[in-house]
Amino acid sequence: SIDVPTLEGKMARLTIEAGTQSGRKFRMRGKGMPALRRGNPGDQIVEVQVETPTNLNKKQKELLEAFSNSGNTSPESASFLERVKRIWADD
């Protein structure tokens, strides 16, 4: 879970499941702008941006590589691991 700033200036708790990919959108009901004439708050949309690590030490790289080779990854996380490997290849 993370705390997300709302349009009211408060913080709201948002649960993000493991494996959530970059670009996925979540609806926070009742946290958006008030609807015209009704005054009821609308929904706030939150888009997830996953950051790919770029400065891993040798041990971290070995652990991520071992995880990738374990076969316990979904197709989405496999593509994430491929992107990470490409970044390391540029080093």
PDB file of N, CA and C in Angstrom:
ATOM      1  N   SER A   1       0.840  -1.184   0.000  1.00  0.00           N
ATOM      2  CA  SER A   1       0.000   0.000   0.000  1.00  0.00           C
ATOM      3  C   SER A   1       0.881   1.242   0.000  1.00  0.00           C
ATOM      4  N   ILE A   2       0.358   2.277  -0.633  1.00  0.00           N
ATOM      5  CA  ILE A   2       1.060   3.557  -0.638  1.00  0.00           C
ATOM      6  C   ILE A   2       0.068   4.650  -0.264  1.00  0.00           C
ATOM      7  N   ASP A   3       0.589   5.780   0.178  1.00  0.00           N
ATOM      8  CA  ASP A   3      -0.239   6.949   0.438  1.00  0.00           C
ATOM      9  C   ASP A   3      -0.194   7.834  -0.796  1.00  0.00           C
ATOM     10  N   VAL A   4      -1.374   8.247  -1.248  1.00  0.00           N
ATOM     11  CA  VAL A   4      -1.504   9.056  -2.457  1.00  0.00           C
ATOM     12  C   VAL A   4      -2.131  10.393  -2.076  1.00  0.00           C
ATOM     13  N   PRO A   5      -1.552  11.518  -2.522  1.00  0.00           N
ATOM     14  CA  PRO A   5      -2.185  12.807  -2.232  1.00  0.00           C
ATOM     15  C   PRO A   5      -3.488  12.940  -3.027  1.00  0.00           C
ATOM     16  N   THR A   6      -4.524  13.435  -2.362  1.00  0.00           N
ATOM     17  CA  THR A   6      -5.810  13.635  -3.033  1.00  0.00           C
ATOM     18  C   THR A   6      -5.932  15.092  -3.460  1.00  0.00           C
ATOM     19  N   LEU A   7      -6.967  15.383  -4.219  1.00  0.00           N
ATOM     20  CA  LEU A   7      -7.196  16.748  -4.679  1.00  0.00           C
ATOM     21  C   LEU A   7      -7.587  17.678  -3.530  1.00  0.00           C
ATOM     22  N   GLU A   8      -8.021  17.118  -2.412  1.00  0.00           N
ATOM     23  CA  GLU A   8      -8.366  17.914  -1.227  1.00  0.00           C
ATOM     24  C   GLU A   8      -7.136  18.275  -0.407  1.00  0.00           C
ATOM     25  N   GLY A   9      -5.977  17.752  -0.786  1.00  0.00           N
ATOM     26  CA  GLY A   9      -4.756  18.014  -0.046  1.00  0.00           C
ATOM     27  C   GLY A   9      -4.504  17.016   1.071  1.00  0.00           C
ATOM     28  N   LYS A  10      -5.331  15.995   1.164  1.00  0.00           N
ATOM     29  CA  LYS A  10      -5.156  14.951   2.169  1.00  0.00           C
ATOM     30  C   LYS A  10      -4.453  13.756   1.530  1.00  0.00           C
ATOM     31  N   MET A  11      -4.137  12.768   2.352  1.00  0.00           N
ATOM     32  CA  MET A  11      -3.529  11.537   1.847  1.00  0.00           C
ATOM     33  C   MET A  11      -4.550  10.411   1.938  1.00  0.00           C
ATOM     34  N   ALA A  12      -4.544   9.526   0.948  1.00  0.00           N
ATOM     35  CA  ALA A  12      -5.434   8.362   0.941  1.00  0.00           C
ATOM     36  C   ALA A  12      -4.593   7.125   0.678  1.00  0.00           C
ATOM     37  N   ARG A  13      -4.943   6.034   1.302  1.00  0.00           N
ATOM     38  CA  ARG A  13      -4.219   4.765   1.167  1.00  0.00           C
ATOM     39  C   ARG A  13      -4.698   4.054  -0.095  1.00  0.00           C
ATOM     40  N   LEU A  14      -3.759   3.606  -0.933  1.00  0.00           N
ATOM     41  CA  LEU A  14      -4.065   2.858  -2.149  1.00  0.00           C
ATOM     42  C   LEU A  14      -3.262   1.567  -2.112  1.00  0.00           C
ATOM     43  N   THR A  15      -3.951   0.439  -2.259  1.00  0.00           N
ATOM     44  CA  THR A  15      -3.285  -0.863  -2.270  1.00  0.00           C
ATOM     45  C   THR A  15      -2.937  -1.226  -3.702  1.00  0.00           C
ATOM     46  N   ILE A  16      -1.660  -1.499  -3.937  1.00  0.00           N
ATOM     47  CA  ILE A  16      -1.182  -1.895  -5.259  1.00  0.00           C
ATOM     48  C   ILE A  16      -0.667  -3.320  -5.142  1.00  0.00           C
ATOM     49  N   GLU A  17      -1.256  -4.209  -5.912  1.00  0.00           N
ATOM     50  CA  GLU A  17      -0.900  -5.628  -5.861  1.00  0.00           C
ATOM     51  C   GLU A  17       0.488  -5.861  -6.452  1.00  0.00           C
ATOM     52  N   ALA A  18       1.170  -6.884  -5.966  1.00  0.00           N
ATOM     53  CA  ALA A  18       2.459  -7.288  -6.529  1.00  0.00           C
ATOM     54  C   ALA A  18       2.266  -7.642  -7.995  1.00  0.00           C
ATOM     55  N   GLY A  19       3.205  -7.272  -8.828  1.00  0.00           N
ATOM     56  CA  GLY A  19       3.131  -7.577 -10.251  1.00  0.00           C
ATOM     57  C   GLY A  19       2.424  -6.516 -11.070  1.00  0.00           C
ATOM     58  N   THR A  20       1.963  -5.445 -10.427  1.00  0.00           N
ATOM     59  CA  THR A  20       1.295  -4.367 -11.153  1.00  0.00           C
ATOM     60  C   THR A  20       2.284  -3.739 -12.126  1.00  0.00           C
ATOM     61  N   GLN A  21       1.868  -3.591 -13.367  1.00  0.00           N
ATOM     62  CA  GLN A  21       2.745  -3.059 -14.404  1.00  0.00           C
ATOM     63  C   GLN A  21       2.586  -1.550 -14.547  1.00  0.00           C
ATOM     64  N   SER A  22       3.611  -0.918 -15.087  1.00  0.00           N
ATOM     65  CA  SER A  22       3.595   0.514 -15.329  1.00  0.00           C
ATOM     66  C   SER A  22       2.452   0.853 -16.278  1.00  0.00           C
ATOM     67  N   GLY A  23       1.754   1.933 -15.992  1.00  0.00           N
ATOM     68  CA  GLY A  23       0.648   2.368 -16.836  1.00  0.00           C
ATOM     69  C   GLY A  23      -0.721   1.927 -16.339  1.00  0.00           C
ATOM     70  N   ARG A  24      -0.768   0.998 -15.399  1.00  0.00           N
ATOM     71  CA  ARG A  24      -2.059   0.542 -14.864  1.00  0.00           C
ATOM     72  C   ARG A  24      -2.710   1.683 -14.100  1.00  0.00           C
ATOM     73  N   LYS A  25      -4.021   1.820 -14.272  1.00  0.00           N
ATOM     74  CA  LYS A  25      -4.759   2.899 -13.616  1.00  0.00           C
ATOM     75  C   LYS A  25      -5.679   2.334 -12.550  1.00  0.00           C
ATOM     76  N   PHE A  26      -5.753   3.038 -11.431  1.00  0.00           N
ATOM     77  CA  PHE A  26      -6.624   2.680 -10.321  1.00  0.00           C
ATOM     78  C   PHE A  26      -7.615   3.815 -10.092  1.00  0.00           C
ATOM     79  N   ARG A  27      -8.837   3.456  -9.731  1.00  0.00           N
ATOM     80  CA  ARG A  27      -9.878   4.437  -9.435  1.00  0.00           C
ATOM     81  C   ARG A  27     -10.020   4.552  -7.916  1.00  0.00           C
ATOM     82  N   MET A  28      -9.897   5.778  -7.428  1.00  0.00           N
ATOM     83  CA  MET A  28     -10.122   6.043  -6.009  1.00  0.00           C
ATOM     84  C   MET A  28     -11.482   6.729  -5.896  1.00  0.00           C
ATOM     85  N   ARG A  29     -12.491   5.941  -5.578  1.00  0.00           N
ATOM     86  CA  ARG A  29     -13.872   6.437  -5.547  1.00  0.00           C
ATOM     87  C   ARG A  29     -14.060   7.524  -4.487  1.00  0.00           C
ATOM     88  N   GLY A  30     -14.726   8.607  -4.927  1.00  0.00           N
ATOM     89  CA  GLY A  30     -15.058   9.692  -4.013  1.00  0.00           C
ATOM     90  C   GLY A  30     -13.908  10.601  -3.644  1.00  0.00           C
ATOM     91  N   LYS A  31     -12.765  10.481  -4.321  1.00  0.00           N
ATOM     92  CA  LYS A  31     -11.592  11.296  -3.989  1.00  0.00           C
ATOM     93  C   LYS A  31     -11.305  12.367  -5.042  1.00  0.00           C
ATOM     94  N   GLY A  32     -12.172  12.488  -6.058  1.00  0.00           N
ATOM     95  CA  GLY A  32     -11.932  13.429  -7.144  1.00  0.00           C
ATOM     96  C   GLY A  32     -12.664  14.749  -6.967  1.00  0.00           C
ATOM     97  N   MET A  33     -12.814  15.459  -8.073  1.00  0.00           N
ATOM     98  CA  MET A  33     -13.491  16.756  -8.090  1.00  0.00           C
ATOM     99  C   MET A  33     -14.983  16.568  -7.843  1.00  0.00           C
ATOM    100  N   PRO A  34     -15.626  17.541  -7.179  1.00  0.00           N
ATOM    101  CA  PRO A  34     -17.073  17.452  -6.997  1.00  0.00           C
ATOM    102  C   PRO A  34     -17.789  17.597  -8.341  1.00  0.00           C
ATOM    103  N   ALA A  35     -18.861  16.830  -8.518  1.00  0.00           N
ATOM    104  CA  ALA A  35     -19.658  16.917  -9.742  1.00  0.00           C
ATOM    105  C   ALA A  35     -20.440  18.228  -9.736  1.00  0.00           C
ATOM    106  N   LEU A  36     -20.570  18.845 -10.901  1.00  0.00           N
ATOM    107  CA  LEU A  36     -21.329  20.087 -11.007  1.00  0.00           C
ATOM    108  C   LEU A  36     -22.781  19.844 -10.614  1.00  0.00           C
ATOM    109  N   ARG A  37     -23.357  20.784  -9.906  1.00  0.00           N
ATOM    110  CA  ARG A  37     -24.761  20.795  -9.477  1.00  0.00           C
ATOM    111  C   ARG A  37     -25.092  19.782  -8.391  1.00  0.00           C
ATOM    112  N   ARG A  38     -24.363  18.705  -8.283  1.00  0.00           N
ATOM    113  CA  ARG A  38     -24.665  17.713  -7.248  1.00  0.00           C
ATOM    114  C   ARG A  38     -23.753  17.875  -6.043  1.00  0.00           C
ATOM    115  N   GLY A  39     -22.527  18.271  -6.288  1.00  0.00           N
ATOM    116  CA  GLY A  39     -21.589  18.459  -5.193  1.00  0.00           C
ATOM    117  C   GLY A  39     -20.935  17.184  -4.690  1.00  0.00           C
ATOM    118  N   ASN A  40     -21.420  16.038  -5.144  1.00  0.00           N
ATOM    119  CA  ASN A  40     -20.801  14.776  -4.734  1.00  0.00           C
ATOM    120  C   ASN A  40     -19.429  14.651  -5.385  1.00  0.00           C
ATOM    121  N   PRO A  41     -18.443  14.207  -4.623  1.00  0.00           N
ATOM    122  CA  PRO A  41     -17.115  14.076  -5.225  1.00  0.00           C
ATOM    123  C   PRO A  41     -17.071  12.949  -6.254  1.00  0.00           C
ATOM    124  N   GLY A  42     -16.329  13.208  -7.316  1.00  0.00           N
ATOM    125  CA  GLY A  42     -16.124  12.184  -8.337  1.00  0.00           C
ATOM    126  C   GLY A  42     -14.975  11.269  -7.937  1.00  0.00           C
ATOM    127  N   ASP A  43     -14.438  10.576  -8.903  1.00  0.00           N
ATOM    128  CA  ASP A  43     -13.350   9.636  -8.650  1.00  0.00           C
ATOM    129  C   ASP A  43     -12.016  10.246  -9.069  1.00  0.00           C
ATOM    130  N   GLN A  44     -10.972   9.884  -8.363  1.00  0.00           N
ATOM    131  CA  GLN A  44      -9.616  10.282  -8.727  1.00  0.00           C
ATOM    132  C   GLN A  44      -8.950   9.071  -9.358  1.00  0.00           C
ATOM    133  N   ILE A  45      -8.328   9.282 -10.511  1.00  0.00           N
ATOM    134  CA  ILE A  45      -7.630   8.207 -11.215  1.00  0.00           C
ATOM    135  C   ILE A  45      -6.134   8.339 -10.929  1.00  0.00           C
ATOM    136  N   VAL A  46      -5.523   7.229 -10.548  1.00  0.00           N
ATOM    137  CA  VAL A  46      -4.091   7.191 -10.245  1.00  0.00           C
ATOM    138  C   VAL A  46      -3.432   6.226 -11.218  1.00  0.00           C
ATOM    139  N   GLU A  47      -2.402   6.688 -11.924  1.00  0.00           N
ATOM    140  CA  GLU A  47      -1.662   5.838 -12.858  1.00  0.00           C
ATOM    141  C   GLU A  47      -0.330   5.443 -12.234  1.00  0.00           C
ATOM    142  N   VAL A  48      -0.040   4.148 -12.249  1.00  0.00           N
ATOM    143  CA  VAL A  48       1.185   3.613 -11.656  1.00  0.00           C
ATOM    144  C   VAL A  48       2.341   3.761 -12.644  1.00  0.00           C
ATOM    145  N   GLN A  49       3.468   4.246 -12.154  1.00  0.00           N
ATOM    146  CA  GLN A  49       4.698   4.312 -12.933  1.00  0.00           C
ATOM    147  C   GLN A  49       5.758   3.510 -12.182  1.00  0.00           C
ATOM    148  N   VAL A  50       6.155   2.383 -12.756  1.00  0.00           N
ATOM    149  CA  VAL A  50       7.148   1.514 -12.128  1.00  0.00           C
ATOM    150  C   VAL A  50       8.532   1.959 -12.584  1.00  0.00           C
ATOM    151  N   GLU A  51       9.414   2.197 -11.639  1.00  0.00           N
ATOM    152  CA  GLU A  51      10.780   2.596 -11.970  1.00  0.00           C
ATOM    153  C   GLU A  51      11.660   1.365 -12.086  1.00  0.00           C
ATOM    154  N   THR A  52      12.430   1.307 -13.157  1.00  0.00           N
ATOM    155  CA  THR A  52      13.369   0.213 -13.374  1.00  0.00           C
ATOM    156  C   THR A  52      14.688   0.570 -12.701  1.00  0.00           C
ATOM    157  N   PRO A  53      15.197  -0.291 -11.830  1.00  0.00           N
ATOM    158  CA  PRO A  53      16.462   0.021 -11.155  1.00  0.00           C
ATOM    159  C   PRO A  53      17.616   0.061 -12.157  1.00  0.00           C
ATOM    160  N   THR A  54      18.485   1.038 -11.987  1.00  0.00           N
ATOM    161  CA  THR A  54      19.616   1.163 -12.909  1.00  0.00           C
ATOM    162  C   THR A  54      20.964   1.035 -12.214  1.00  0.00           C
ATOM    163  N   ASN A  55      21.021   1.273 -10.924  1.00  0.00           N
ATOM    164  CA  ASN A  55      22.298   1.240 -10.201  1.00  0.00           C
ATOM    165  C   ASN A  55      22.304   0.116  -9.177  1.00  0.00           C
ATOM    166  N   LEU A  56      22.346  -1.110  -9.655  1.00  0.00           N
ATOM    167  CA  LEU A  56      22.390  -2.260  -8.753  1.00  0.00           C
ATOM    168  C   LEU A  56      23.839  -2.694  -8.552  1.00  0.00           C
ATOM    169  N   ASN A  57      24.132  -3.145  -7.345  1.00  0.00           N
ATOM    170  CA  ASN A  57      25.472  -3.675  -7.118  1.00  0.00           C
ATOM    171  C   ASN A  57      25.533  -5.110  -7.651  1.00  0.00           C
ATOM    172  N   LYS A  58      26.710  -5.702  -7.601  1.00  0.00           N
ATOM    173  CA  LYS A  58      26.919  -7.036  -8.172  1.00  0.00           C
ATOM    174  C   LYS A  58      25.998  -8.077  -7.539  1.00  0.00           C
ATOM    175  N   LYS A  59      25.858  -8.052  -6.224  1.00  0.00           N
ATOM    176  CA  LYS A  59      25.019  -9.023  -5.517  1.00  0.00           C
ATOM    177  C   LYS A  59      23.549  -8.875  -5.926  1.00  0.00           C
ATOM    178  N   GLN A  60      23.064  -7.640  -6.033  1.00  0.00           N
ATOM    179  CA  GLN A  60      21.681  -7.400  -6.441  1.00  0.00           C
ATOM    180  C   GLN A  60      21.437  -7.914  -7.863  1.00  0.00           C
ATOM    181  N   LYS A  61      22.408  -7.692  -8.745  1.00  0.00           N
ATOM    182  CA  LYS A  61      22.278  -8.185 -10.119  1.00  0.00           C
ATOM    183  C   LYS A  61      22.213  -9.709 -10.143  1.00  0.00           C
ATOM    184  N   GLU A  62      23.074 -10.348  -9.352  1.00  0.00           N
ATOM    185  CA  GLU A  62      23.081 -11.817  -9.289  1.00  0.00           C
ATOM    186  C   GLU A  62      21.747 -12.349  -8.773  1.00  0.00           C
ATOM    187  N   LEU A  63      21.193 -11.710  -7.746  1.00  0.00           N
ATOM    188  CA  LEU A  63      19.911 -12.149  -7.189  1.00  0.00           C
ATOM    189  C   LEU A  63      18.773 -11.985  -8.193  1.00  0.00           C
ATOM    190  N   LEU A  64      18.757 -10.867  -8.905  1.00  0.00           N
ATOM    191  CA  LEU A  64      17.708 -10.644  -9.898  1.00  0.00           C
ATOM    192  C   LEU A  64      17.848 -11.626 -11.057  1.00  0.00           C
ATOM    193  N   GLU A  65      19.067 -11.910 -11.448  1.00  0.00           N
ATOM    194  CA  GLU A  65      19.318 -12.891 -12.511  1.00  0.00           C
ATOM    195  C   GLU A  65      18.862 -14.278 -12.069  1.00  0.00           C
ATOM    196  N   ALA A  66      19.156 -14.654 -10.824  1.00  0.00           N
ATOM    197  CA  ALA A  66      18.732 -15.956 -10.302  1.00  0.00           C
ATOM    198  C   ALA A  66      17.212 -16.049 -10.267  1.00  0.00           C
ATOM    199  N   PHE A  67      16.552 -14.979  -9.873  1.00  0.00           N
ATOM    200  CA  PHE A  67      15.090 -14.957  -9.865  1.00  0.00           C
ATOM    201  C   PHE A  67      14.551 -15.123 -11.282  1.00  0.00           C
ATOM    202  N   SER A  68      15.149 -14.434 -12.228  1.00  0.00           N
ATOM    203  CA  SER A  68      14.721 -14.532 -13.625  1.00  0.00           C
ATOM    204  C   SER A  68      14.862 -15.952 -14.150  1.00  0.00           C
ATOM    205  N   ASN A  69      15.949 -16.616 -13.776  1.00  0.00           N
ATOM    206  CA  ASN A  69      16.216 -17.975 -14.256  1.00  0.00           C
ATOM    207  C   ASN A  69      15.416 -19.046 -13.519  1.00  0.00           C
ATOM    208  N   SER A  70      14.764 -18.678 -12.424  1.00  0.00           N
ATOM    209  CA  SER A  70      14.032 -19.660 -11.619  1.00  0.00           C
ATOM    210  C   SER A  70      12.746 -20.137 -12.284  1.00  0.00           C
ATOM    211  N   GLY A  71      12.252 -19.389 -13.261  1.00  0.00           N
ATOM    212  CA  GLY A  71      11.015 -19.776 -13.928  1.00  0.00           C
ATOM    213  C   GLY A  71       9.771 -19.388 -13.156  1.00  0.00           C
ATOM    214  N   ASN A  72       9.917 -18.649 -12.073  1.00  0.00           N
ATOM    215  CA  ASN A  72       8.773 -18.234 -11.259  1.00  0.00           C
ATOM    216  C   ASN A  72       8.240 -16.864 -11.656  1.00  0.00           C
ATOM    217  N   THR A  73       8.521 -16.433 -12.865  1.00  0.00           N
ATOM    218  CA  THR A  73       8.090 -15.109 -13.280  1.00  0.00           C
ATOM    219  C   THR A  73       6.937 -15.208 -14.262  1.00  0.00           C
ATOM    220  N   SER A  74       6.069 -14.221 -14.212  1.00  0.00           N
ATOM    221  CA  SER A  74       4.963 -14.150 -15.166  1.00  0.00           C
ATOM    222  C   SER A  74       5.485 -13.537 -16.463  1.00  0.00           C
ATOM    223  N   PRO A  75       4.721 -13.616 -17.554  1.00  0.00           N
ATOM    224  CA  PRO A  75       5.176 -12.987 -18.802  1.00  0.00           C
ATOM    225  C   PRO A  75       5.441 -11.493 -18.632  1.00  0.00           C
ATOM    226  N   GLU A  76       4.616 -10.815 -17.802  1.00  0.00           N
ATOM    227  CA  GLU A  76       4.815  -9.381 -17.602  1.00  0.00           C
ATOM    228  C   GLU A  76       6.121  -9.101 -16.877  1.00  0.00           C
ATOM    229  N   SER A  77       6.395  -9.870 -15.820  1.00  0.00           N
ATOM    230  CA  SER A  77       7.628  -9.624 -15.080  1.00  0.00           C
ATOM    231  C   SER A  77       8.835 -10.082 -15.880  1.00  0.00           C
ATOM    232  N   ALA A  78       8.655 -11.069 -16.737  1.00  0.00           N
ATOM    233  CA  ALA A  78       9.758 -11.502 -17.596  1.00  0.00           C
ATOM    234  C   ALA A  78      10.167 -10.365 -18.521  1.00  0.00           C
ATOM    235  N   SER A  79       9.197  -9.626 -19.068  1.00  0.00           N
ATOM    236  CA  SER A  79       9.544  -8.509 -19.940  1.00  0.00           C
ATOM    237  C   SER A  79      10.230  -7.408 -19.133  1.00  0.00           C
ATOM    238  N   PHE A  80       9.825  -7.224 -17.881  1.00  0.00           N
ATOM    239  CA  PHE A  80      10.493  -6.261 -17.011  1.00  0.00           C
ATOM    240  C   PHE A  80      11.950  -6.661 -16.817  1.00  0.00           C
ATOM    241  N   LEU A  81      12.181  -7.941 -16.546  1.00  0.00           N
ATOM    242  CA  LEU A  81      13.548  -8.417 -16.338  1.00  0.00           C
ATOM    243  C   LEU A  81      14.382  -8.263 -17.601  1.00  0.00           C
ATOM    244  N   GLU A  82      13.784  -8.451 -18.754  1.00  0.00           N
ATOM    245  CA  GLU A  82      14.513  -8.252 -20.009  1.00  0.00           C
ATOM    246  C   GLU A  82      14.921  -6.788 -20.163  1.00  0.00           C
ATOM    247  N   ARG A  83      14.034  -5.867 -19.785  1.00  0.00           N
ATOM    248  CA  ARG A  83      14.374  -4.441 -19.859  1.00  0.00           C
ATOM    249  C   ARG A  83      15.531  -4.120 -18.920  1.00  0.00           C
ATOM    250  N   VAL A  84      15.506  -4.705 -17.725  1.00  0.00           N
ATOM    251  CA  VAL A  84      16.591  -4.477 -16.769  1.00  0.00           C
ATOM    252  C   VAL A  84      17.901  -5.014 -17.334  1.00  0.00           C
ATOM    253  N   LYS A  85      17.865  -6.200 -17.933  1.00  0.00           N
ATOM    254  CA  LYS A  85      19.082  -6.789 -18.514  1.00  0.00           C
ATOM    255  C   LYS A  85      19.647  -5.900 -19.618  1.00  0.00           C
ATOM    256  N   ARG A  86      18.766  -5.322 -20.446  1.00  0.00           N
ATOM    257  CA  ARG A  86      19.232  -4.434 -21.516  1.00  0.00           C
ATOM    258  C   ARG A  86      19.924  -3.200 -20.941  1.00  0.00           C
ATOM    259  N   ILE A  87      19.394  -2.686 -19.843  1.00  0.00           N
ATOM    260  CA  ILE A  87      20.019  -1.521 -19.212  1.00  0.00           C
ATOM    261  C   ILE A  87      21.411  -1.884 -18.719  1.00  0.00           C
ATOM    262  N   TRP A  88      21.541  -3.061 -18.082  1.00  0.00           N
ATOM    263  CA  TRP A  88      22.848  -3.490 -17.583  1.00  0.00           C
ATOM    264  C   TRP A  88      23.825  -3.713 -18.725  1.00  0.00           C
ATOM    265  N   ALA A  89      23.340  -4.186 -19.859  1.00  0.00           N
ATOM    266  CA  ALA A  89      24.211  -4.466 -20.999  1.00  0.00           C
ATOM    267  C   ALA A  89      24.864  -3.186 -21.508  1.00  0.00           C
ATOM    268  N   ASP A  90      24.214  -2.043 -21.261  1.00  0.00           N
ATOM    269  CA  ASP A  90      24.761  -0.762 -21.699  1.00  0.00           C
ATOM    270  C   ASP A  90      25.898  -0.276 -20.814  1.00  0.00           C
ATOM    271  N   ASP A  91      26.064  -0.908 -19.619  1.00  0.00           N
ATOM    272  CA  ASP A  91      27.122  -0.471 -18.687  1.00  0.00           C
ATOM    273  C   ASP A  91      28.497  -0.776 -19.215  1.00  0.00           C
TER     274      ASP A  91
END
